[in-house]
Amino acid sequence: AIDKALDEVARSGNLPVPLHLRNAPTALMKEL
């Protein structure tokens, strides 16, 4: 599983974290 996931990371690069999963410690981040 980890090798398969690493292959995917190498293939697709740094895909953005979905907005609903992101941390929002500041007011600006919440506004975004």
PDB file of all heavy atoms in Angstrom:
ATOM      1  N   ALA A   1       0.821  -1.209   0.000  1.00  0.00           N
ATOM      2  CA  ALA A   1       0.000   0.000   0.000  1.00  0.00           C
ATOM      3  C   ALA A   1       0.857   1.262   0.000  1.00  0.00           C
ATOM      4  O   ALA A   1       0.594   2.200  -0.760  1.00  0.00           O
ATOM      5  CB  ALA A   1      -0.941  -0.004   1.201  1.00  0.00           C
ATOM      6  N   ILE A   2       1.876   1.307   0.858  1.00  0.00           N
ATOM      7  CA  ILE A   2       2.697   2.513   0.918  1.00  0.00           C
ATOM      8  C   ILE A   2       3.497   2.695  -0.371  1.00  0.00           C
ATOM      9  O   ILE A   2       3.647   3.820  -0.863  1.00  0.00           O
ATOM     10  CB  ILE A   2       3.629   2.517   2.159  1.00  0.00           C
ATOM     11  CG1 ILE A   2       4.401   3.832   2.265  1.00  0.00           C
ATOM     12  CG2 ILE A   2       4.583   1.336   2.155  1.00  0.00           C
ATOM     13  CD1 ILE A   2       3.531   5.062   2.396  1.00  0.00           C
ATOM     14  N   ASP A   3       3.987   1.595  -0.970  1.00  0.00           N
ATOM     15  CA  ASP A   3       4.716   1.712  -2.227  1.00  0.00           C
ATOM     16  C   ASP A   3       3.799   2.173  -3.359  1.00  0.00           C
ATOM     17  O   ASP A   3       4.191   2.955  -4.227  1.00  0.00           O
ATOM     18  CB  ASP A   3       5.385   0.384  -2.588  1.00  0.00           C
ATOM     19  CG  ASP A   3       6.665   0.164  -1.803  1.00  0.00           C
ATOM     20  OD1 ASP A   3       7.076   1.077  -1.050  1.00  0.00           O
ATOM     21  OD2 ASP A   3       7.270  -0.930  -1.929  1.00  0.00           O
ATOM     22  N   LYS A   4       2.563   1.683  -3.344  1.00  0.00           N
ATOM     23  CA  LYS A   4       1.575   2.095  -4.341  1.00  0.00           C
ATOM     24  C   LYS A   4       1.261   3.586  -4.199  1.00  0.00           C
ATOM     25  O   LYS A   4       1.146   4.315  -5.189  1.00  0.00           O
ATOM     26  CB  LYS A   4       0.297   1.256  -4.169  1.00  0.00           C
ATOM     27  CG  LYS A   4      -0.624   1.225  -5.368  1.00  0.00           C
ATOM     28  CD  LYS A   4      -1.737   0.209  -5.109  1.00  0.00           C
ATOM     29  CE  LYS A   4      -2.663   0.029  -6.221  1.00  0.00           C
ATOM     30  NZ  LYS A   4      -3.743  -0.968  -5.920  1.00  0.00           N
ATOM     31  N   ALA A   5       1.112   4.031  -2.950  1.00  0.00           N
ATOM     32  CA  ALA A   5       0.837   5.443  -2.693  1.00  0.00           C
ATOM     33  C   ALA A   5       2.023   6.316  -3.097  1.00  0.00           C
ATOM     34  O   ALA A   5       1.846   7.407  -3.643  1.00  0.00           O
ATOM     35  CB  ALA A   5       0.495   5.648  -1.218  1.00  0.00           C
ATOM     36  N   LEU A   6       3.247   5.850  -2.836  1.00  0.00           N
ATOM     37  CA  LEU A   6       4.437   6.601  -3.233  1.00  0.00           C
ATOM     38  C   LEU A   6       4.541   6.724  -4.749  1.00  0.00           C
ATOM     39  O   LEU A   6       4.948   7.766  -5.273  1.00  0.00           O
ATOM     40  CB  LEU A   6       5.694   5.931  -2.672  1.00  0.00           C
ATOM     41  CG  LEU A   6       5.927   6.111  -1.164  1.00  0.00           C
ATOM     42  CD1 LEU A   6       7.033   5.186  -0.673  1.00  0.00           C
ATOM     43  CD2 LEU A   6       6.275   7.563  -0.847  1.00  0.00           C
ATOM     44  N   ASP A   7       4.168   5.655  -5.456  1.00  0.00           N
ATOM     45  CA  ASP A   7       4.141   5.714  -6.920  1.00  0.00           C
ATOM     46  C   ASP A   7       3.150   6.777  -7.395  1.00  0.00           C
ATOM     47  O   ASP A   7       3.409   7.511  -8.343  1.00  0.00           O
ATOM     48  CB  ASP A   7       3.759   4.352  -7.504  1.00  0.00           C
ATOM     49  CG  ASP A   7       4.877   3.331  -7.388  1.00  0.00           C
ATOM     50  OD1 ASP A   7       6.038   3.739  -7.182  1.00  0.00           O
ATOM     51  OD2 ASP A   7       4.586   2.119  -7.491  1.00  0.00           O
ATOM     52  N   GLU A   8       2.001   6.844  -6.729  1.00  0.00           N
ATOM     53  CA  GLU A   8       0.988   7.840  -7.091  1.00  0.00           C
ATOM     54  C   GLU A   8       1.504   9.251  -6.841  1.00  0.00           C
ATOM     55  O   GLU A   8       1.295  10.159  -7.655  1.00  0.00           O
ATOM     56  CB  GLU A   8      -0.301   7.604  -6.296  1.00  0.00           C
ATOM     57  CG  GLU A   8      -1.412   8.629  -6.573  1.00  0.00           C
ATOM     58  CD  GLU A   8      -1.830   8.650  -8.040  1.00  0.00           C
ATOM     59  OE1 GLU A   8      -2.123   7.568  -8.590  1.00  0.00           O
ATOM     60  OE2 GLU A   8      -1.858   9.751  -8.632  1.00  0.00           O
ATOM     61  N   VAL A   9       2.180   9.459  -5.707  1.00  0.00           N
ATOM     62  CA  VAL A   9       2.755  10.768  -5.395  1.00  0.00           C
ATOM     63  C   VAL A   9       3.779  11.163  -6.442  1.00  0.00           C
ATOM     64  O   VAL A   9       3.812  12.314  -6.902  1.00  0.00           O
ATOM     65  CB  VAL A   9       3.384  10.761  -3.987  1.00  0.00           C
ATOM     66  CG1 VAL A   9       4.189  12.032  -3.753  1.00  0.00           C
ATOM     67  CG2 VAL A   9       2.308  10.597  -2.911  1.00  0.00           C
ATOM     68  N   ALA A  10       4.618  10.201  -6.852  1.00  0.00           N
ATOM     69  CA  ALA A  10       5.616  10.485  -7.888  1.00  0.00           C
ATOM     70  C   ALA A  10       4.959  10.822  -9.216  1.00  0.00           C
ATOM     71  O   ALA A  10       5.467  11.645  -9.992  1.00  0.00           O
ATOM     72  CB  ALA A  10       6.549   9.283  -8.040  1.00  0.00           C
ATOM     73  N   ARG A  11       3.812  10.189  -9.493  1.00  0.00           N
ATOM     74  CA  ARG A  11       3.115  10.403 -10.765  1.00  0.00           C
ATOM     75  C   ARG A  11       2.340  11.704 -10.791  1.00  0.00           C
ATOM     76  O   ARG A  11       2.428  12.487 -11.731  1.00  0.00           O
ATOM     77  CB  ARG A  11       2.149   9.239 -11.035  1.00  0.00           C
ATOM     78  CG  ARG A  11       1.472   9.280 -12.403  1.00  0.00           C
ATOM     79  CD  ARG A  11       0.379   8.234 -12.533  1.00  0.00           C
ATOM     80  NE  ARG A  11      -0.743   8.518 -11.656  1.00  0.00           N
ATOM     81  CZ  ARG A  11      -1.702   9.417 -11.934  1.00  0.00           C
ATOM     82  NH1 ARG A  11      -1.658  10.107 -13.043  1.00  0.00           N
ATOM     83  NH2 ARG A  11      -2.693   9.617 -11.078  1.00  0.00           N
ATOM     84  N   SER A  12       1.566  11.953  -9.719  1.00  0.00           N
ATOM     85  CA  SER A  12       0.640  13.092  -9.734  1.00  0.00           C
ATOM     86  C   SER A  12       1.167  14.327  -9.023  1.00  0.00           C
ATOM     87  O   SER A  12       0.547  15.397  -9.081  1.00  0.00           O
ATOM     88  CB  SER A  12      -0.707  12.675  -9.127  1.00  0.00           C
ATOM     89  OG  SER A  12      -0.553  12.132  -7.827  1.00  0.00           O
ATOM     90  N   GLY A  13       2.286  14.205  -8.301  1.00  0.00           N
ATOM     91  CA  GLY A  13       2.879  15.369  -7.661  1.00  0.00           C
ATOM     92  C   GLY A  13       2.133  15.819  -6.409  1.00  0.00           C
ATOM     93  O   GLY A  13       1.398  15.057  -5.784  1.00  0.00           O
ATOM     94  N   ASN A  14       2.305  17.072  -6.060  1.00  0.00           N
ATOM     95  CA  ASN A  14       1.734  17.629  -4.839  1.00  0.00           C
ATOM     96  C   ASN A  14       0.308  18.116  -5.073  1.00  0.00           C
ATOM     97  O   ASN A  14       0.061  19.317  -5.258  1.00  0.00           O
ATOM     98  CB  ASN A  14       2.609  18.765  -4.314  1.00  0.00           C
ATOM     99  CG  ASN A  14       3.993  18.296  -3.929  1.00  0.00           C
ATOM    100  OD1 ASN A  14       4.160  17.195  -3.414  1.00  0.00           O
ATOM    101  ND2 ASN A  14       5.005  19.113  -4.197  1.00  0.00           N
ATOM    102  N   LEU A  15      -0.633  17.199  -5.065  1.00  0.00           N
ATOM    103  CA  LEU A  15      -2.029  17.569  -5.248  1.00  0.00           C
ATOM    104  C   LEU A  15      -2.523  18.360  -4.041  1.00  0.00           C
ATOM    105  O   LEU A  15      -2.136  18.083  -2.902  1.00  0.00           O
ATOM    106  CB  LEU A  15      -2.884  16.314  -5.444  1.00  0.00           C
ATOM    107  CG  LEU A  15      -2.562  15.464  -6.684  1.00  0.00           C
ATOM    108  CD1 LEU A  15      -3.390  14.186  -6.671  1.00  0.00           C
ATOM    109  CD2 LEU A  15      -2.821  16.266  -7.954  1.00  0.00           C
ATOM    110  N   PRO A  16      -3.383  19.362  -4.272  1.00  0.00           N
ATOM    111  CA  PRO A  16      -3.843  20.194  -3.157  1.00  0.00           C
ATOM    112  C   PRO A  16      -4.743  19.426  -2.194  1.00  0.00           C
ATOM    113  O   PRO A  16      -5.505  18.550  -2.595  1.00  0.00           O
ATOM    114  CB  PRO A  16      -4.625  21.314  -3.858  1.00  0.00           C
ATOM    115  CG  PRO A  16      -5.035  20.732  -5.182  1.00  0.00           C
ATOM    116  CD  PRO A  16      -3.939  19.782  -5.567  1.00  0.00           C
ATOM    117  N   VAL A  17      -4.636  19.758  -0.921  1.00  0.00           N
ATOM    118  CA  VAL A  17      -5.510  19.181   0.095  1.00  0.00           C
ATOM    119  C   VAL A  17      -6.916  19.764  -0.097  1.00  0.00           C
ATOM    120  O   VAL A  17      -7.061  20.991  -0.234  1.00  0.00           O
ATOM    121  CB  VAL A  17      -4.993  19.502   1.511  1.00  0.00           C
ATOM    122  CG1 VAL A  17      -5.952  18.979   2.575  1.00  0.00           C
ATOM    123  CG2 VAL A  17      -3.599  18.920   1.715  1.00  0.00           C
ATOM    124  N   PRO A  18      -7.949  18.926  -0.146  1.00  0.00           N
ATOM    125  CA  PRO A  18      -9.321  19.457  -0.268  1.00  0.00           C
ATOM    126  C   PRO A  18      -9.603  20.508   0.804  1.00  0.00           C
ATOM    127  O   PRO A  18      -9.155  20.368   1.953  1.00  0.00           O
ATOM    128  CB  PRO A  18     -10.195  18.218  -0.085  1.00  0.00           C
ATOM    129  CG  PRO A  18      -9.323  17.069  -0.511  1.00  0.00           C
ATOM    130  CD  PRO A  18      -7.946  17.444  -0.103  1.00  0.00           C
ATOM    131  N   LEU A  19     -10.349  21.550   0.431  1.00  0.00           N
ATOM    132  CA  LEU A  19     -10.594  22.661   1.342  1.00  0.00           C
ATOM    133  C   LEU A  19     -11.203  22.213   2.669  1.00  0.00           C
ATOM    134  O   LEU A  19     -10.828  22.703   3.736  1.00  0.00           O
ATOM    135  CB  LEU A  19     -11.513  23.701   0.674  1.00  0.00           C
ATOM    136  CG  LEU A  19     -10.848  24.688  -0.285  1.00  0.00           C
ATOM    137  CD1 LEU A  19     -11.898  25.547  -0.976  1.00  0.00           C
ATOM    138  CD2 LEU A  19      -9.849  25.572   0.439  1.00  0.00           C
ATOM    139  N   HIS A  20     -12.159  21.267   2.621  1.00  0.00           N
ATOM    140  CA  HIS A  20     -12.837  20.876   3.851  1.00  0.00           C
ATOM    141  C   HIS A  20     -11.927  20.128   4.830  1.00  0.00           C
ATOM    142  O   HIS A  20     -12.261  19.997   6.007  1.00  0.00           O
ATOM    143  CB  HIS A  20     -14.099  20.051   3.535  1.00  0.00           C
ATOM    144  CG  HIS A  20     -13.825  18.696   2.960  1.00  0.00           C
ATOM    145  ND1 HIS A  20     -13.441  18.505   1.659  1.00  0.00           N
ATOM    146  CD2 HIS A  20     -13.869  17.445   3.518  1.00  0.00           C
ATOM    147  CE1 HIS A  20     -13.277  17.218   1.424  1.00  0.00           C
ATOM    148  NE2 HIS A  20     -13.531  16.556   2.532  1.00  0.00           N
ATOM    149  N   LEU A  21     -10.751  19.654   4.358  1.00  0.00           N
ATOM    150  CA  LEU A  21      -9.811  18.969   5.233  1.00  0.00           C
ATOM    151  C   LEU A  21      -8.715  19.888   5.776  1.00  0.00           C
ATOM    152  O   LEU A  21      -7.926  19.481   6.626  1.00  0.00           O
ATOM    153  CB  LEU A  21      -9.153  17.792   4.500  1.00  0.00           C
ATOM    154  CG  LEU A  21     -10.061  16.663   4.033  1.00  0.00           C
ATOM    155  CD1 LEU A  21      -9.231  15.595   3.341  1.00  0.00           C
ATOM    156  CD2 LEU A  21     -10.852  16.063   5.188  1.00  0.00           C
ATOM    157  N   ARG A  22      -8.663  21.111   5.285  1.00  0.00           N
ATOM    158  CA  ARG A  22      -7.589  22.004   5.689  1.00  0.00           C
ATOM    159  C   ARG A  22      -7.848  22.594   7.074  1.00  0.00           C
ATOM    160  O   ARG A  22      -8.978  22.832   7.482  1.00  0.00           O
ATOM    161  CB  ARG A  22      -7.421  23.130   4.675  1.00  0.00           C
ATOM    162  CG  ARG A  22      -7.015  22.642   3.298  1.00  0.00           C
ATOM    163  CD  ARG A  22      -6.717  23.803   2.363  1.00  0.00           C
ATOM    164  NE  ARG A  22      -6.571  23.351   0.984  1.00  0.00           N
ATOM    165  CZ  ARG A  22      -6.217  24.119  -0.027  1.00  0.00           C
ATOM    166  NH1 ARG A  22      -5.933  25.405   0.208  1.00  0.00           N
ATOM    167  NH2 ARG A  22      -6.124  23.619  -1.257  1.00  0.00           N
ATOM    168  N   ASN A  23      -6.759  22.850   7.768  1.00  0.00           N
ATOM    169  CA  ASN A  23      -6.840  23.494   9.065  1.00  0.00           C
ATOM    170  C   ASN A  23      -7.079  24.991   8.884  1.00  0.00           C
ATOM    171  O   ASN A  23      -6.578  25.597   7.939  1.00  0.00           O
ATOM    172  CB  ASN A  23      -5.540  23.257   9.839  1.00  0.00           C
ATOM    173  CG  ASN A  23      -5.631  23.673  11.284  1.00  0.00           C
ATOM    174  OD1 ASN A  23      -6.706  23.626  11.883  1.00  0.00           O
ATOM    175  ND2 ASN A  23      -4.509  24.086  11.861  1.00  0.00           N
ATOM    176  N   ALA A  24      -7.850  25.598   9.794  1.00  0.00           N
ATOM    177  CA  ALA A  24      -8.186  27.015   9.667  1.00  0.00           C
ATOM    178  C   ALA A  24      -7.925  27.744  10.981  1.00  0.00           C
ATOM    179  O   ALA A  24      -8.855  28.170  11.682  1.00  0.00           O
ATOM    180  CB  ALA A  24      -9.638  27.185   9.245  1.00  0.00           C
ATOM    181  N   PRO A  25      -6.651  27.936  11.344  1.00  0.00           N
ATOM    182  CA  PRO A  25      -6.339  28.590  12.624  1.00  0.00           C
ATOM    183  C   PRO A  25      -6.529  30.110  12.623  1.00  0.00           C
ATOM    184  O   PRO A  25      -6.536  30.728  13.672  1.00  0.00           O
ATOM    185  CB  PRO A  25      -4.874  28.235  12.843  1.00  0.00           C
ATOM    186  CG  PRO A  25      -4.318  28.064  11.468  1.00  0.00           C
ATOM    187  CD  PRO A  25      -5.429  27.497  10.652  1.00  0.00           C
ATOM    188  N   THR A  26      -6.651  30.728  11.434  1.00  0.00           N
ATOM    189  CA  THR A  26      -6.796  32.184  11.368  1.00  0.00           C
ATOM    190  C   THR A  26      -8.121  32.559  10.719  1.00  0.00           C
ATOM    191  O   THR A  26      -8.738  31.777   9.988  1.00  0.00           O
ATOM    192  CB  THR A  26      -5.645  32.824  10.561  1.00  0.00           C
ATOM    193  OG1 THR A  26      -5.767  32.438   9.181  1.00  0.00           O
ATOM    194  CG2 THR A  26      -4.285  32.359  11.091  1.00  0.00           C
ATOM    195  N   ALA A  27      -8.537  33.793  10.949  1.00  0.00           N
ATOM    196  CA  ALA A  27      -9.785  34.305  10.367  1.00  0.00           C
ATOM    197  C   ALA A  27      -9.714  34.328   8.850  1.00  0.00           C
ATOM    198  O   ALA A  27     -10.697  34.038   8.157  1.00  0.00           O
ATOM    199  CB  ALA A  27     -10.072  35.706  10.909  1.00  0.00           C
ATOM    200  N   LEU A  28      -8.545  34.700   8.310  1.00  0.00           N
ATOM    201  CA  LEU A  28      -8.372  34.746   6.860  1.00  0.00           C
ATOM    202  C   LEU A  28      -8.610  33.376   6.242  1.00  0.00           C
ATOM    203  O   LEU A  28      -9.277  33.257   5.214  1.00  0.00           O
ATOM    204  CB  LEU A  28      -6.979  35.252   6.496  1.00  0.00           C
ATOM    205  CG  LEU A  28      -6.628  35.246   4.996  1.00  0.00           C
ATOM    206  CD1 LEU A  28      -7.577  36.153   4.223  1.00  0.00           C
ATOM    207  CD2 LEU A  28      -5.167  35.671   4.780  1.00  0.00           C
ATOM    208  N   MET A  29      -8.053  32.344   6.872  1.00  0.00           N
ATOM    209  CA  MET A  29      -8.227  30.994   6.351  1.00  0.00           C
ATOM    210  C   MET A  29      -9.687  30.578   6.370  1.00  0.00           C
ATOM    211  O   MET A  29     -10.171  29.907   5.453  1.00  0.00           O
ATOM    212  CB  MET A  29      -7.370  30.009   7.143  1.00  0.00           C
ATOM    213  CG  MET A  29      -5.880  30.161   6.898  1.00  0.00           C
ATOM    214  SD  MET A  29      -4.915  29.058   7.943  1.00  0.00           S
ATOM    215  CE  MET A  29      -3.283  29.270   7.244  1.00  0.00           C
ATOM    216  N   LYS A  30     -10.394  30.977   7.407  1.00  0.00           N
ATOM    217  CA  LYS A  30     -11.825  30.670   7.472  1.00  0.00           C
ATOM    218  C   LYS A  30     -12.569  31.381   6.354  1.00  0.00           C
ATOM    219  O   LYS A  30     -13.486  30.831   5.750  1.00  0.00           O
ATOM    220  CB  LYS A  30     -12.383  31.065   8.836  1.00  0.00           C
ATOM    221  CG  LYS A  30     -11.921  30.153   9.964  1.00  0.00           C
ATOM    222  CD  LYS A  30     -12.443  30.615  11.313  1.00  0.00           C
ATOM    223  CE  LYS A  30     -11.941  29.698  12.422  1.00  0.00           C
ATOM    224  NZ  LYS A  30     -12.350  30.190  13.760  1.00  0.00           N
ATOM    225  N   GLU A  31     -12.183  32.636   6.073  1.00  0.00           N
ATOM    226  CA  GLU A  31     -12.800  33.393   4.976  1.00  0.00           C
ATOM    227  C   GLU A  31     -12.552  32.735   3.631  1.00  0.00           C
ATOM    228  O   GLU A  31     -13.346  32.846   2.708  1.00  0.00           O
ATOM    229  CB  GLU A  31     -12.256  34.825   4.965  1.00  0.00           C
ATOM    230  CG  GLU A  31     -12.734  35.686   6.125  1.00  0.00           C
ATOM    231  CD  GLU A  31     -12.052  37.050   6.138  1.00  0.00           C
ATOM    232  OE1 GLU A  31     -11.418  37.392   5.110  1.00  0.00           O
ATOM    233  OE2 GLU A  31     -12.140  37.758   7.164  1.00  0.00           O
ATOM    234  N   LEU A  32     -11.426  32.028   3.530  1.00  0.00           N
ATOM    235  CA  LEU A  32     -11.092  31.326   2.291  1.00  0.00           C
ATOM    236  C   LEU A  32     -11.701  29.925   2.241  1.00  0.00           C
ATOM    237  O   LEU A  32     -11.340  29.121   1.374  1.00  0.00           O
ATOM    238  CB  LEU A  32      -9.568  31.241   2.140  1.00  0.00           C
ATOM    239  CG  LEU A  32      -8.835  32.575   1.959  1.00  0.00           C
ATOM    240  CD1 LEU A  32      -7.326  32.385   2.000  1.00  0.00           C
ATOM    241  CD2 LEU A  32      -9.248  33.239   0.645  1.00  0.00           C
TER     242      LEU A  32
END
